[in-house]
């Protein structure tokens, strides 16, 4: 346990509130990366679909 967390808990912060704060901060920090990954994945999928259609036409 880190020192700031221990100090906050000693001052009366409930562990459930600490968990909620940690989850909220983690979600805010990870959300932009998840969105970027989703956009790049969508572009990759569209390229794969186009390649599949071209392959089917050439057969």
PDB file of N, CA and C in Angstrom:
ATOM      1  N   UNK A   1       0.852  -1.167   0.000  1.00  0.00           N
ATOM      2  CA  UNK A   1       0.000   0.000   0.000  1.00  0.00           C
ATOM      3  C   UNK A   1       0.900   1.234   0.000  1.00  0.00           C
ATOM      4  N   UNK A   2       0.564   2.198  -0.827  1.00  0.00           N
ATOM      5  CA  UNK A   2       1.390   3.401  -0.904  1.00  0.00           C
ATOM      6  C   UNK A   2       1.130   4.322   0.291  1.00  0.00           C
ATOM      7  N   UNK A   3       2.060   5.201   0.511  1.00  0.00           N
ATOM      8  CA  UNK A   3       1.977   6.098   1.666  1.00  0.00           C
ATOM      9  C   UNK A   3       0.773   7.036   1.581  1.00  0.00           C
ATOM     10  N   UNK A   4       0.496   7.680   0.423  1.00  0.00           N
ATOM     11  CA  UNK A   4      -0.687   8.556   0.379  1.00  0.00           C
ATOM     12  C   UNK A   4      -1.996   7.802   0.643  1.00  0.00           C
ATOM     13  N   UNK A   5      -2.075   6.574   0.152  1.00  0.00           N
ATOM     14  CA  UNK A   5      -3.293   5.788   0.385  1.00  0.00           C
ATOM     15  C   UNK A   5      -3.435   5.484   1.866  1.00  0.00           C
ATOM     16  N   UNK A   6      -2.342   5.089   2.488  1.00  0.00           N
ATOM     17  CA  UNK A   6      -2.372   4.783   3.917  1.00  0.00           C
ATOM     18  C   UNK A   6      -2.775   6.018   4.722  1.00  0.00           C
ATOM     19  N   UNK A   7      -2.240   7.175   4.356  1.00  0.00           N
ATOM     20  CA  UNK A   7      -2.596   8.409   5.062  1.00  0.00           C
ATOM     21  C   UNK A   7      -4.077   8.738   4.884  1.00  0.00           C
ATOM     22  N   UNK A   8      -4.582   8.576   3.663  1.00  0.00           N
ATOM     23  CA  UNK A   8      -6.001   8.849   3.416  1.00  0.00           C
ATOM     24  C   UNK A   8      -6.892   7.909   4.207  1.00  0.00           C
ATOM     25  N   UNK A   9      -6.527   6.643   4.255  1.00  0.00           N
ATOM     26  CA  UNK A   9      -7.329   5.684   5.011  1.00  0.00           C
ATOM     27  C   UNK A   9      -7.277   5.991   6.507  1.00  0.00           C
ATOM     28  N   UNK A  10      -6.125   6.421   6.993  1.00  0.00           N
ATOM     29  CA  UNK A  10      -5.999   6.776   8.410  1.00  0.00           C
ATOM     30  C   UNK A  10      -6.806   8.021   8.755  1.00  0.00           C
ATOM     31  N   UNK A  11      -7.038   8.902   7.767  1.00  0.00           N
ATOM     32  CA  UNK A  11      -7.819  10.115   8.013  1.00  0.00           C
ATOM     33  C   UNK A  11      -9.319   9.869   7.899  1.00  0.00           C
ATOM     34  N   UNK A  12      -9.714   8.644   7.559  1.00  0.00           N
ATOM     35  CA  UNK A  12     -11.127   8.326   7.562  1.00  0.00           C
ATOM     36  C   UNK A  12     -11.747   8.036   6.213  1.00  0.00           C
ATOM     37  N   UNK A  13     -10.961   7.993   5.161  1.00  0.00           N
ATOM     38  CA  UNK A  13     -11.511   7.664   3.848  1.00  0.00           C
ATOM     39  C   UNK A  13     -11.916   6.193   3.831  1.00  0.00           C
ATOM     40  N   UNK A  14     -13.118   5.922   3.386  1.00  0.00           N
ATOM     41  CA  UNK A  14     -13.584   4.540   3.336  1.00  0.00           C
ATOM     42  C   UNK A  14     -12.898   3.800   2.189  1.00  0.00           C
ATOM     43  N   UNK A  15     -12.548   2.542   2.397  1.00  0.00           N
ATOM     44  CA  UNK A  15     -11.893   1.770   1.333  1.00  0.00           C
ATOM     45  C   UNK A  15     -12.735   1.675   0.059  1.00  0.00           C
ATOM     46  N   UNK A  16     -14.058   1.627   0.205  1.00  0.00           N
ATOM     47  CA  UNK A  16     -14.930   1.551  -0.966  1.00  0.00           C
ATOM     48  C   UNK A  16     -14.824   2.819  -1.812  1.00  0.00           C
ATOM     49  N   UNK A  17     -14.700   3.963  -1.158  1.00  0.00           N
ATOM     50  CA  UNK A  17     -14.557   5.231  -1.870  1.00  0.00           C
ATOM     51  C   UNK A  17     -13.214   5.268  -2.584  1.00  0.00           C
ATOM     52  N   UNK A  18     -12.188   4.776  -1.921  1.00  0.00           N
ATOM     53  CA  UNK A  18     -10.863   4.723  -2.537  1.00  0.00           C
ATOM     54  C   UNK A  18     -10.892   3.863  -3.796  1.00  0.00           C
ATOM     55  N   UNK A  19     -11.555   2.727  -3.725  1.00  0.00           N
ATOM     56  CA  UNK A  19     -11.659   1.846  -4.894  1.00  0.00           C
ATOM     57  C   UNK A  19     -12.424   2.543  -6.015  1.00  0.00           C
ATOM     58  N   UNK A  20     -13.491   3.235  -5.673  1.00  0.00           N
ATOM     59  CA  UNK A  20     -14.277   3.947  -6.690  1.00  0.00           C
ATOM     60  C   UNK A  20     -13.436   5.028  -7.368  1.00  0.00           C
ATOM     61  N   UNK A  21     -12.668   5.778  -6.588  1.00  0.00           N
ATOM     62  CA  UNK A  21     -11.792   6.801  -7.166  1.00  0.00           C
ATOM     63  C   UNK A  21     -10.744   6.178  -8.075  1.00  0.00           C
ATOM     64  N   UNK A  22     -10.148   5.082  -7.628  1.00  0.00           N
ATOM     65  CA  UNK A  22      -9.114   4.431  -8.434  1.00  0.00           C
ATOM     66  C   UNK A  22      -9.681   3.935  -9.758  1.00  0.00           C
ATOM     67  N   UNK A  23     -10.873   3.355  -9.712  1.00  0.00           N
ATOM     68  CA  UNK A  23     -11.500   2.853 -10.937  1.00  0.00           C
ATOM     69  C   UNK A  23     -11.869   4.004 -11.876  1.00  0.00           C
ATOM     70  N   UNK A  24     -12.352   5.103 -11.327  1.00  0.00           N
ATOM     71  CA  UNK A  24     -12.718   6.255 -12.156  1.00  0.00           C
ATOM     72  C   UNK A  24     -11.484   6.844 -12.839  1.00  0.00           C
ATOM     73  N   UNK A  25     -10.412   6.993 -12.099  1.00  0.00           N
ATOM     74  CA  UNK A  25      -9.178   7.537 -12.682  1.00  0.00           C
ATOM     75  C   UNK A  25      -8.637   6.593 -13.746  1.00  0.00           C
ATOM     76  N   UNK A  26      -8.649   5.304 -13.472  1.00  0.00           N
ATOM     77  CA  UNK A  26      -8.161   4.327 -14.452  1.00  0.00           C
ATOM     78  C   UNK A  26      -9.001   4.375 -15.728  1.00  0.00           C
ATOM     79  N   UNK A  27     -10.304   4.490 -15.592  1.00  0.00           N
ATOM     80  CA  UNK A  27     -11.178   4.554 -16.768  1.00  0.00           C
ATOM     81  C   UNK A  27     -10.899   5.797 -17.601  1.00  0.00           C
ATOM     82  N   UNK A  28     -10.707   6.909 -16.932  1.00  0.00           N
ATOM     83  CA  UNK A  28     -10.430   8.160 -17.647  1.00  0.00           C
ATOM     84  C   UNK A  28      -9.091   8.087 -18.374  1.00  0.00           C
ATOM     85  N   UNK A  29      -8.107   7.457 -17.757  1.00  0.00           N
ATOM     86  CA  UNK A  29      -6.785   7.368 -18.379  1.00  0.00           C
ATOM     87  C   UNK A  29      -6.739   6.365 -19.523  1.00  0.00           C
ATOM     88  N   UNK A  30      -7.507   5.296 -19.443  1.00  0.00           N
ATOM     89  CA  UNK A  30      -7.459   4.239 -20.450  1.00  0.00           C
ATOM     90  C   UNK A  30      -8.393   4.520 -21.629  1.00  0.00           C
ATOM     91  N   UNK A  31      -9.447   5.274 -21.427  1.00  0.00           N
ATOM     92  CA  UNK A  31     -10.457   5.500 -22.464  1.00  0.00           C
ATOM     93  C   UNK A  31      -9.886   6.019 -23.789  1.00  0.00           C
ATOM     94  N   UNK A  32      -8.995   6.999 -23.802  1.00  0.00           N
ATOM     95  CA  UNK A  32      -8.474   7.464 -25.099  1.00  0.00           C
ATOM     96  C   UNK A  32      -7.732   6.372 -25.864  1.00  0.00           C
ATOM     97  N   UNK A  33      -6.983   5.541 -25.159  1.00  0.00           N
ATOM     98  CA  UNK A  33      -6.248   4.467 -25.821  1.00  0.00           C
ATOM     99  C   UNK A  33      -7.197   3.417 -26.384  1.00  0.00           C
ATOM    100  N   UNK A  34      -8.269   3.137 -25.664  1.00  0.00           N
ATOM    101  CA  UNK A  34      -9.254   2.174 -26.151  1.00  0.00           C
ATOM    102  C   UNK A  34      -9.938   2.702 -27.410  1.00  0.00           C
ATOM    103  N   UNK A  35     -10.223   3.978 -27.424  1.00  0.00           N
ATOM    104  CA  UNK A  35     -10.863   4.568 -28.609  1.00  0.00           C
ATOM    105  C   UNK A  35      -9.935   4.525 -29.820  1.00  0.00           C
ATOM    106  N   UNK A  36      -8.672   4.865 -29.619  1.00  0.00           N
ATOM    107  CA  UNK A  36      -7.712   4.804 -30.719  1.00  0.00           C
ATOM    108  C   UNK A  36      -7.566   3.380 -31.238  1.00  0.00           C
ATOM    109  N   UNK A  37      -7.504   2.437 -30.334  1.00  0.00           N
ATOM    110  CA  UNK A  37      -7.372   1.037 -30.744  1.00  0.00           C
ATOM    111  C   UNK A  37      -8.584   0.597 -31.556  1.00  0.00           C
ATOM    112  N   UNK A  38      -9.759   1.033 -31.127  1.00  0.00           N
ATOM    113  CA  UNK A  38     -10.979   0.672 -31.840  1.00  0.00           C
ATOM    114  C   UNK A  38     -10.971   1.262 -33.250  1.00  0.00           C
ATOM    115  N   UNK A  39     -10.524   2.500 -33.392  1.00  0.00           N
ATOM    116  CA  UNK A  39     -10.486   3.134 -34.713  1.00  0.00           C
ATOM    117  C   UNK A  39      -9.496   2.434 -35.633  1.00  0.00           C
ATOM    118  N   UNK A  40      -8.318   2.108 -35.122  1.00  0.00           N
ATOM    119  CA  UNK A  40      -7.332   1.415 -35.947  1.00  0.00           C
ATOM    120  C   UNK A  40      -7.813   0.020 -36.306  1.00  0.00           C
ATOM    121  N   UNK A  41      -8.483  -0.651 -35.384  1.00  0.00           N
ATOM    122  CA  UNK A  41      -9.010  -1.989 -35.643  1.00  0.00           C
ATOM    123  C   UNK A  41     -10.088  -1.919 -36.719  1.00  0.00           C
ATOM    124  N   UNK A  42     -10.928  -0.895 -36.695  1.00  0.00           N
ATOM    125  CA  UNK A  42     -11.978  -0.748 -37.703  1.00  0.00           C
ATOM    126  C   UNK A  42     -11.364  -0.550 -39.084  1.00  0.00           C
ATOM    127  N   UNK A  43     -10.284   0.213 -39.176  1.00  0.00           N
ATOM    128  CA  UNK A  43      -9.618   0.416 -40.459  1.00  0.00           C
ATOM    129  C   UNK A  43      -9.014  -0.890 -40.957  1.00  0.00           C
ATOM    130  N   UNK A  44      -8.416  -1.659 -40.068  1.00  0.00           N
ATOM    131  CA  UNK A  44      -7.838  -2.947 -40.449  1.00  0.00           C
ATOM    132  C   UNK A  44      -8.919  -3.902 -40.937  1.00  0.00           C
ATOM    133  N   UNK A  45     -10.062  -3.907 -40.266  1.00  0.00           N
ATOM    134  CA  UNK A  45     -11.161  -4.786 -40.667  1.00  0.00           C
ATOM    135  C   UNK A  45     -11.685  -4.415 -42.047  1.00  0.00           C
ATOM    136  N   UNK A  46     -11.780  -3.116 -42.328  1.00  0.00           N
ATOM    137  CA  UNK A  46     -12.295  -2.705 -43.634  1.00  0.00           C
ATOM    138  C   UNK A  46     -11.328  -3.109 -44.739  1.00  0.00           C
ATOM    139  N   UNK A  47     -10.043  -3.060 -44.476  1.00  0.00           N
ATOM    140  CA  UNK A  47      -9.050  -3.495 -45.460  1.00  0.00           C
ATOM    141  C   UNK A  47      -9.175  -4.995 -45.681  1.00  0.00           C
ATOM    142  N   UNK A  48      -9.359  -5.763 -44.609  1.00  0.00           N
ATOM    143  CA  UNK A  48      -9.518  -7.212 -44.728  1.00  0.00           C
ATOM    144  C   UNK A  48     -10.757  -7.565 -45.545  1.00  0.00           C
ATOM    145  N   UNK A  49     -11.850  -6.869 -45.319  1.00  0.00           N
ATOM    146  CA  UNK A  49     -13.082  -7.133 -46.063  1.00  0.00           C
ATOM    147  C   UNK A  49     -12.875  -6.825 -47.542  1.00  0.00           C
ATOM    148  N   UNK A  50     -12.212  -5.715 -47.837  1.00  0.00           N
ATOM    149  CA  UNK A  50     -11.935  -5.348 -49.227  1.00  0.00           C
ATOM    150  C   UNK A  50     -11.049  -6.398 -49.898  1.00  0.00           C
ATOM    151  N   UNK A  51     -10.042  -6.874 -49.209  1.00  0.00           N
ATOM    152  CA  UNK A  51      -9.168  -7.908 -49.765  1.00  0.00           C
ATOM    153  C   UNK A  51      -9.940  -9.193 -50.023  1.00  0.00           C
ATOM    154  N   UNK A  52     -10.825  -9.563 -49.115  1.00  0.00           N
ATOM    155  CA  UNK A  52     -11.635 -10.765 -49.301  1.00  0.00           C
ATOM    156  C   UNK A  52     -12.529 -10.639 -50.534  1.00  0.00           C
ATOM    157  N   UNK A  53     -13.140  -9.481 -50.711  1.00  0.00           N
ATOM    158  CA  UNK A  53     -14.017  -9.284 -51.868  1.00  0.00           C
ATOM    159  C   UNK A  53     -13.224  -9.326 -53.165  1.00  0.00           C
ATOM    160  N   UNK A  54     -12.057  -8.713 -53.184  1.00  0.00           N
ATOM    161  CA  UNK A  54     -11.221  -8.750 -54.381  1.00  0.00           C
ATOM    162  C   UNK A  54     -10.769 -10.171 -54.694  1.00  0.00           C
ATOM    163  N   UNK A  55     -10.438 -10.915 -53.691  1.00  0.00           N
ATOM    164  CA  UNK A  55     -10.021 -12.305 -53.888  1.00  0.00           C
ATOM    165  C   UNK A  55     -11.164 -13.127 -54.470  1.00  0.00           C
ATOM    166  N   UNK A  56     -12.373 -12.897 -53.974  1.00  0.00           N
ATOM    167  CA  UNK A  56     -13.528 -13.639 -54.485  1.00  0.00           C
ATOM    168  C   UNK A  56     -13.807 -13.268 -55.940  1.00  0.00           C
ATOM    169  N   UNK A  57     -13.613 -12.013 -56.311  1.00  0.00           N
ATOM    170  CA  UNK A  57     -13.847 -11.583 -57.689  1.00  0.00           C
ATOM    171  C   UNK A  57     -12.819 -12.163 -58.653  1.00  0.00           C
ATOM    172  N   UNK A  58     -11.604 -12.315 -58.190  1.00  0.00           N
ATOM    173  CA  UNK A  58     -10.535 -12.807 -59.054  1.00  0.00           C
ATOM    174  C   UNK A  58     -10.577 -14.318 -59.254  1.00  0.00           C
ATOM    175  N   UNK A  59     -11.320 -15.027 -58.459  1.00  0.00           N
ATOM    176  CA  UNK A  59     -11.386 -16.489 -58.591  1.00  0.00           C
ATOM    177  C   UNK A  59     -12.326 -16.900 -59.666  1.00  0.00           C
TER     178      UNK A  59
END
